[in-house]
Amino acid sequence: MISEKIILGIDPGTAIMGFGIISIKKGKMELVSIHELILKKYPNHETKLKYIFDKTLALIDEFHPDEVALEAPFYGKNVQSMLKLGRAQGVAMAASLHRNIPITEYSPKKIKMAITGNGNASKEQVAGMLQSLLKLKEFPTKYLDASDGLAVAVCHHFNSGTISETKSYSGWDSFLKQNPDRLK
């Protein structure tokens, strides 16, 4: 029986990317760390993607998560923004798979529903509920992107053992088998 499980949650972004890490010990959830990667200062999209990959690997190497959960890109009005978010998510996925860590994707609505019970909750409502769930006196970061990364990790914990609206991959082979349309 596993005595502890570490989950890394990632909210992909190209301006700010949020990361939250939780530990599950005997069914009890505890905040390990929360980070944000500020990407606004980098000159181009390619440089941002490199930093996303490097930061994801660094967090994996430091905290040794058993599983990684990511927020799936959502369809918005701006196709270019969605494409950039998809690339950011793909780079984080690649870093996780590079270290052979299973990954699972969750839609933004599913994450909000898991945390607050309302799939249309605001970022502030999600952060407030996380503060309550994790029994934090104050929230450890000012960036809601970081709290979104934490929300993905908590959502994954709440959904462990259930399958619905999520995609899980244990490695590149698993990813390619479940996504044959992405193979060219």
C-alpha atoms as a PDB file:
ATOM      1  CA  MET A   1       0.000   0.000   0.000  1.00  0.00           C
ATOM      2  CA  ILE A   2       1.271   3.461  -0.894  1.00  0.00           C
ATOM      3  CA  SER A   3       1.848   5.511   2.249  1.00  0.00           C
ATOM      4  CA  GLU A   4       2.130   8.826   0.417  1.00  0.00           C
ATOM      5  CA  LYS A   5       1.181  10.103  -3.011  1.00  0.00           C
ATOM      6  CA  ILE A   6       2.466  13.371  -4.477  1.00  0.00           C
ATOM      7  CA  ILE A   7       0.392  15.100  -7.165  1.00  0.00           C
ATOM      8  CA  LEU A   8       1.661  17.964  -9.325  1.00  0.00           C
ATOM      9  CA  GLY A   9      -1.122  20.098 -10.802  1.00  0.00           C
ATOM     10  CA  ILE A  10      -0.393  22.413 -13.711  1.00  0.00           C
ATOM     11  CA  ASP A  11      -2.405  25.307 -15.139  1.00  0.00           C
ATOM     12  CA  PRO A  12      -0.722  25.906 -18.520  1.00  0.00           C
ATOM     13  CA  GLY A  13      -0.274  29.493 -19.558  1.00  0.00           C
ATOM     14  CA  THR A  14       1.941  31.658 -21.698  1.00  0.00           C
ATOM     15  CA  ALA A  15       1.820  34.746 -19.472  1.00  0.00           C
ATOM     16  CA  ILE A  16       1.741  33.014 -16.069  1.00  0.00           C
ATOM     17  CA  MET A  17       1.829  29.254 -15.607  1.00  0.00           C
ATOM     18  CA  GLY A  18       0.598  27.915 -12.274  1.00  0.00           C
ATOM     19  CA  PHE A  19       1.850  24.849 -10.429  1.00  0.00           C
ATOM     20  CA  GLY A  20       0.462  23.298  -7.241  1.00  0.00           C
ATOM     21  CA  ILE A  21       1.811  20.274  -5.411  1.00  0.00           C
ATOM     22  CA  ILE A  22      -0.101  18.287  -2.819  1.00  0.00           C
ATOM     23  CA  SER A  23       0.689  15.261  -0.710  1.00  0.00           C
ATOM     24  CA  ILE A  24      -1.863  12.623   0.195  1.00  0.00           C
ATOM     25  CA  LYS A  25      -1.009  10.685   3.359  1.00  0.00           C
ATOM     26  CA  LYS A  26      -3.554   8.202   4.711  1.00  0.00           C
ATOM     27  CA  GLY A  27      -6.257   9.987   2.729  1.00  0.00           C
ATOM     28  CA  LYS A  28      -5.353  13.397   4.162  1.00  0.00           C
ATOM     29  CA  MET A  29      -4.478  16.147   1.697  1.00  0.00           C
ATOM     30  CA  GLU A  30      -1.715  18.645   2.455  1.00  0.00           C
ATOM     31  CA  LEU A  31      -0.170  21.522   0.508  1.00  0.00           C
ATOM     32  CA  VAL A  32       3.463  20.842  -0.345  1.00  0.00           C
ATOM     33  CA  SER A  33       4.222  23.798  -2.601  1.00  0.00           C
ATOM     34  CA  ILE A  34       2.701  26.319  -4.931  1.00  0.00           C
ATOM     35  CA  HIS A  35       4.589  28.075  -7.727  1.00  0.00           C
ATOM     36  CA  GLU A  36       4.035  30.312 -10.669  1.00  0.00           C
ATOM     37  CA  LEU A  37       6.242  30.792 -13.660  1.00  0.00           C
ATOM     38  CA  ILE A  38       6.088  34.395 -14.877  1.00  0.00           C
ATOM     39  CA  LEU A  39       6.534  34.249 -18.634  1.00  0.00           C
ATOM     40  CA  LYS A  40       5.510  37.780 -19.666  1.00  0.00           C
ATOM     41  CA  LYS A  41       9.111  38.944 -19.505  1.00  0.00           C
ATOM     42  CA  TYR A  42      10.408  36.526 -22.144  1.00  0.00           C
ATOM     43  CA  PRO A  43      10.804  37.870 -25.671  1.00  0.00           C
ATOM     44  CA  ASN A  44       9.100  35.153 -27.724  1.00  0.00           C
ATOM     45  CA  HIS A  45       6.877  32.102 -27.585  1.00  0.00           C
ATOM     46  CA  GLU A  46       9.704  29.625 -28.183  1.00  0.00           C
ATOM     47  CA  THR A  47      11.661  30.931 -25.180  1.00  0.00           C
ATOM     48  CA  LYS A  48       8.545  30.676 -23.025  1.00  0.00           C
ATOM     49  CA  LEU A  49       8.054  27.046 -24.069  1.00  0.00           C
ATOM     50  CA  LYS A  50      11.648  26.233 -23.137  1.00  0.00           C
ATOM     51  CA  TYR A  51      11.166  27.755 -19.669  1.00  0.00           C
ATOM     52  CA  ILE A  52       7.904  25.832 -19.196  1.00  0.00           C
ATOM     53  CA  PHE A  53       9.690  22.584 -20.039  1.00  0.00           C
ATOM     54  CA  ASP A  54      12.664  23.397 -17.788  1.00  0.00           C
ATOM     55  CA  LYS A  55      10.493  24.505 -14.832  1.00  0.00           C
ATOM     56  CA  THR A  56       8.253  21.434 -15.107  1.00  0.00           C
ATOM     57  CA  LEU A  57      11.300  19.142 -15.105  1.00  0.00           C
ATOM     58  CA  ALA A  58      12.802  21.044 -12.163  1.00  0.00           C
ATOM     59  CA  LEU A  59       9.611  20.646 -10.119  1.00  0.00           C
ATOM     60  CA  ILE A  60       9.422  16.957 -10.992  1.00  0.00           C
ATOM     61  CA  ASP A  61      13.064  16.447 -10.013  1.00  0.00           C
ATOM     62  CA  GLU A  62      12.616  18.361  -6.747  1.00  0.00           C
ATOM     63  CA  PHE A  63       9.263  16.983  -5.540  1.00  0.00           C
ATOM     64  CA  HIS A  64       9.119  13.556  -7.258  1.00  0.00           C
ATOM     65  CA  PRO A  65       5.374  13.521  -7.994  1.00  0.00           C
ATOM     66  CA  ASP A  66       3.685  10.186  -8.566  1.00  0.00           C
ATOM     67  CA  GLU A  67       1.159  11.751 -10.937  1.00  0.00           C
ATOM     68  CA  VAL A  68       0.730  14.966 -12.913  1.00  0.00           C
ATOM     69  CA  ALA A  69      -2.636  16.573 -13.636  1.00  0.00           C
ATOM     70  CA  LEU A  70      -3.087  19.332 -16.224  1.00  0.00           C
ATOM     71  CA  GLU A  71      -5.863  21.709 -17.106  1.00  0.00           C
ATOM     72  CA  ALA A  72      -6.917  21.067 -20.683  1.00  0.00           C
ATOM     73  CA  PRO A  73      -7.018  24.088 -22.992  1.00  0.00           C
ATOM     74  CA  PHE A  74     -10.502  25.490 -23.425  1.00  0.00           C
ATOM     75  CA  TYR A  75     -11.986  26.765 -26.649  1.00  0.00           C
ATOM     76  CA  GLY A  76     -12.202  30.521 -26.702  1.00  0.00           C
ATOM     77  CA  LYS A  77     -12.815  33.109 -29.353  1.00  0.00           C
ATOM     78  CA  ASN A  78      -9.123  33.637 -30.086  1.00  0.00           C
ATOM     79  CA  VAL A  79      -7.719  30.647 -31.963  1.00  0.00           C
ATOM     80  CA  GLN A  80      -4.125  31.926 -31.634  1.00  0.00           C
ATOM     81  CA  SER A  81      -4.448  32.061 -27.836  1.00  0.00           C
ATOM     82  CA  MET A  82      -5.795  28.512 -27.762  1.00  0.00           C
ATOM     83  CA  LEU A  83      -2.946  27.329 -29.972  1.00  0.00           C
ATOM     84  CA  LYS A  84      -0.375  28.925 -27.639  1.00  0.00           C
ATOM     85  CA  LEU A  85      -2.057  27.410 -24.562  1.00  0.00           C
ATOM     86  CA  GLY A  86      -2.101  24.017 -26.257  1.00  0.00           C
ATOM     87  CA  ARG A  87       1.613  24.290 -26.924  1.00  0.00           C
ATOM     88  CA  ALA A  88       2.264  25.240 -23.283  1.00  0.00           C
ATOM     89  CA  GLN A  89       0.234  22.241 -22.143  1.00  0.00           C
ATOM     90  CA  GLY A  90       2.034  19.988 -24.625  1.00  0.00           C
ATOM     91  CA  VAL A  91       5.440  21.063 -23.356  1.00  0.00           C
ATOM     92  CA  ALA A  92       4.397  20.387 -19.738  1.00  0.00           C
ATOM     93  CA  MET A  93       3.036  16.998 -20.843  1.00  0.00           C
ATOM     94  CA  ALA A  94       6.286  16.214 -22.643  1.00  0.00           C
ATOM     95  CA  ALA A  95       8.351  17.058 -19.560  1.00  0.00           C
ATOM     96  CA  SER A  96       6.159  14.797 -17.407  1.00  0.00           C
ATOM     97  CA  LEU A  97       6.249  11.945 -19.895  1.00  0.00           C
ATOM     98  CA  HIS A  98      10.013  12.430 -20.264  1.00  0.00           C
ATOM     99  CA  ARG A  99      10.250  11.487 -16.572  1.00  0.00           C
ATOM    100  CA  ASN A 100       7.720   8.639 -17.052  1.00  0.00           C
ATOM    101  CA  ILE A 101       5.118  10.229 -14.809  1.00  0.00           C
ATOM    102  CA  PRO A 102       1.482   9.446 -15.651  1.00  0.00           C
ATOM    103  CA  ILE A 103      -0.561  12.487 -16.660  1.00  0.00           C
ATOM    104  CA  THR A 104      -4.277  13.231 -16.614  1.00  0.00           C
ATOM    105  CA  GLU A 105      -6.124  16.152 -18.205  1.00  0.00           C
ATOM    106  CA  TYR A 106      -9.186  17.864 -16.732  1.00  0.00           C
ATOM    107  CA  SER A 107     -11.461  20.448 -18.294  1.00  0.00           C
ATOM    108  CA  PRO A 108     -11.706  23.822 -16.524  1.00  0.00           C
ATOM    109  CA  LYS A 109     -15.382  23.174 -15.698  1.00  0.00           C
ATOM    110  CA  LYS A 110     -14.590  19.766 -14.182  1.00  0.00           C
ATOM    111  CA  ILE A 111     -11.882  21.334 -11.993  1.00  0.00           C
ATOM    112  CA  LYS A 112     -14.182  24.104 -10.771  1.00  0.00           C
ATOM    113  CA  MET A 113     -16.962  21.582 -10.148  1.00  0.00           C
ATOM    114  CA  ALA A 114     -14.638  19.324  -8.139  1.00  0.00           C
ATOM    115  CA  ILE A 115     -13.407  22.182  -5.951  1.00  0.00           C
ATOM    116  CA  THR A 116     -16.500  24.354  -5.488  1.00  0.00           C
ATOM    117  CA  GLY A 117     -19.442  22.280  -6.700  1.00  0.00           C
ATOM    118  CA  ASN A 118     -20.043  24.920  -9.385  1.00  0.00           C
ATOM    119  CA  GLY A 119     -18.540  24.479 -12.861  1.00  0.00           C
ATOM    120  CA  ASN A 120     -18.882  28.235 -13.465  1.00  0.00           C
ATOM    121  CA  ALA A 121     -17.153  29.370 -10.258  1.00  0.00           C
ATOM    122  CA  SER A 122     -14.775  32.331 -10.399  1.00  0.00           C
ATOM    123  CA  LYS A 123     -11.032  31.985  -9.850  1.00  0.00           C
ATOM    124  CA  GLU A 124     -11.484  33.788  -6.522  1.00  0.00           C
ATOM    125  CA  GLN A 125     -14.133  31.276  -5.409  1.00  0.00           C
ATOM    126  CA  VAL A 126     -11.837  28.383  -6.325  1.00  0.00           C
ATOM    127  CA  ALA A 127      -8.934  29.959  -4.391  1.00  0.00           C
ATOM    128  CA  GLY A 128     -11.178  30.543  -1.364  1.00  0.00           C
ATOM    129  CA  MET A 129     -12.383  26.945  -1.354  1.00  0.00           C
ATOM    130  CA  LEU A 130      -8.798  25.657  -1.703  1.00  0.00           C
ATOM    131  CA  GLN A 131      -7.802  27.772   1.281  1.00  0.00           C
ATOM    132  CA  SER A 132     -10.605  26.149   3.265  1.00  0.00           C
ATOM    133  CA  LEU A 133      -9.952  22.589   2.034  1.00  0.00           C
ATOM    134  CA  LEU A 134      -6.242  22.798   2.795  1.00  0.00           C
ATOM    135  CA  LYS A 135      -6.786  24.699   6.067  1.00  0.00           C
ATOM    136  CA  LEU A 136      -4.531  27.581   5.070  1.00  0.00           C
ATOM    137  CA  LYS A 137      -4.585  30.731   7.215  1.00  0.00           C
ATOM    138  CA  GLU A 138      -3.811  32.796   4.149  1.00  0.00           C
ATOM    139  CA  PHE A 139      -3.313  31.922   0.536  1.00  0.00           C
ATOM    140  CA  PRO A 140       0.417  31.547  -0.209  1.00  0.00           C
ATOM    141  CA  THR A 141       0.436  33.360  -3.545  1.00  0.00           C
ATOM    142  CA  LYS A 142      -1.134  36.430  -5.094  1.00  0.00           C
ATOM    143  CA  TYR A 143      -1.444  34.827  -8.525  1.00  0.00           C
ATOM    144  CA  LEU A 144      -4.698  33.040  -9.278  1.00  0.00           C
ATOM    145  CA  ASP A 145      -2.882  31.054 -11.977  1.00  0.00           C
ATOM    146  CA  ALA A 146      -0.892  29.362  -9.212  1.00  0.00           C
ATOM    147  CA  SER A 147      -4.078  28.589  -7.291  1.00  0.00           C
ATOM    148  CA  ASP A 148      -5.506  27.148 -10.520  1.00  0.00           C
ATOM    149  CA  GLY A 149      -2.534  24.776 -10.710  1.00  0.00           C
ATOM    150  CA  LEU A 150      -3.237  23.745  -7.129  1.00  0.00           C
ATOM    151  CA  ALA A 151      -6.923  23.261  -8.018  1.00  0.00           C
ATOM    152  CA  VAL A 152      -5.944  20.825 -10.783  1.00  0.00           C
ATOM    153  CA  ALA A 153      -3.960  18.728  -8.275  1.00  0.00           C
ATOM    154  CA  VAL A 154      -6.843  18.716  -5.764  1.00  0.00           C
ATOM    155  CA  CYS A 155      -9.343  17.866  -8.523  1.00  0.00           C
ATOM    156  CA  HIS A 156      -7.141  14.933  -9.518  1.00  0.00           C
ATOM    157  CA  HIS A 157      -7.057  13.691  -5.933  1.00  0.00           C
ATOM    158  CA  PHE A 158     -10.848  13.961  -5.676  1.00  0.00           C
ATOM    159  CA  ASN A 159     -11.226  12.063  -8.961  1.00  0.00           C
ATOM    160  CA  SER A 160      -8.673   9.320  -8.245  1.00  0.00           C
ATOM    161  CA  GLY A 161     -10.190   5.990  -9.110  1.00  0.00           C
ATOM    162  CA  THR A 162     -12.970   7.480 -11.251  1.00  0.00           C
ATOM    163  CA  ILE A 163     -13.040   7.848 -14.998  1.00  0.00           C
ATOM    164  CA  SER A 164     -15.076  10.588 -16.643  1.00  0.00           C
ATOM    165  CA  GLU A 165     -14.139  13.444 -18.964  1.00  0.00           C
ATOM    166  CA  THR A 166     -10.445  12.832 -18.329  1.00  0.00           C
ATOM    167  CA  LYS A 167      -7.615  11.410 -20.349  1.00  0.00           C
ATOM    168  CA  SER A 168      -4.750   9.593 -18.665  1.00  0.00           C
ATOM    169  CA  TYR A 169      -1.440   8.625 -20.171  1.00  0.00           C
ATOM    170  CA  SER A 170       1.246   6.458 -18.620  1.00  0.00           C
ATOM    171  CA  GLY A 171       3.822   7.260 -21.278  1.00  0.00           C
ATOM    172  CA  TRP A 172       4.350   8.167 -24.926  1.00  0.00           C
ATOM    173  CA  ASP A 173       2.995   4.829 -26.170  1.00  0.00           C
ATOM    174  CA  SER A 174      -0.196   5.304 -24.164  1.00  0.00           C
ATOM    175  CA  PHE A 175      -0.555   8.891 -25.395  1.00  0.00           C
ATOM    176  CA  LEU A 176      -0.148   7.869 -29.054  1.00  0.00           C
ATOM    177  CA  LYS A 177      -2.573   4.942 -28.746  1.00  0.00           C
ATOM    178  CA  GLN A 178      -5.252   7.204 -27.267  1.00  0.00           C
ATOM    179  CA  ASN A 179      -4.599  10.029 -29.746  1.00  0.00           C
ATOM    180  CA  PRO A 180      -3.944   8.460 -33.173  1.00  0.00           C
ATOM    181  CA  ASP A 181      -5.138  11.673 -34.855  1.00  0.00           C
ATOM    182  CA  ARG A 182      -2.112  13.516 -33.430  1.00  0.00           C
ATOM    183  CA  LEU A 183       0.326  11.155 -35.166  1.00  0.00           C
ATOM    184  CA  LYS A 184       1.395  12.295 -38.621  1.00  0.00           C
END
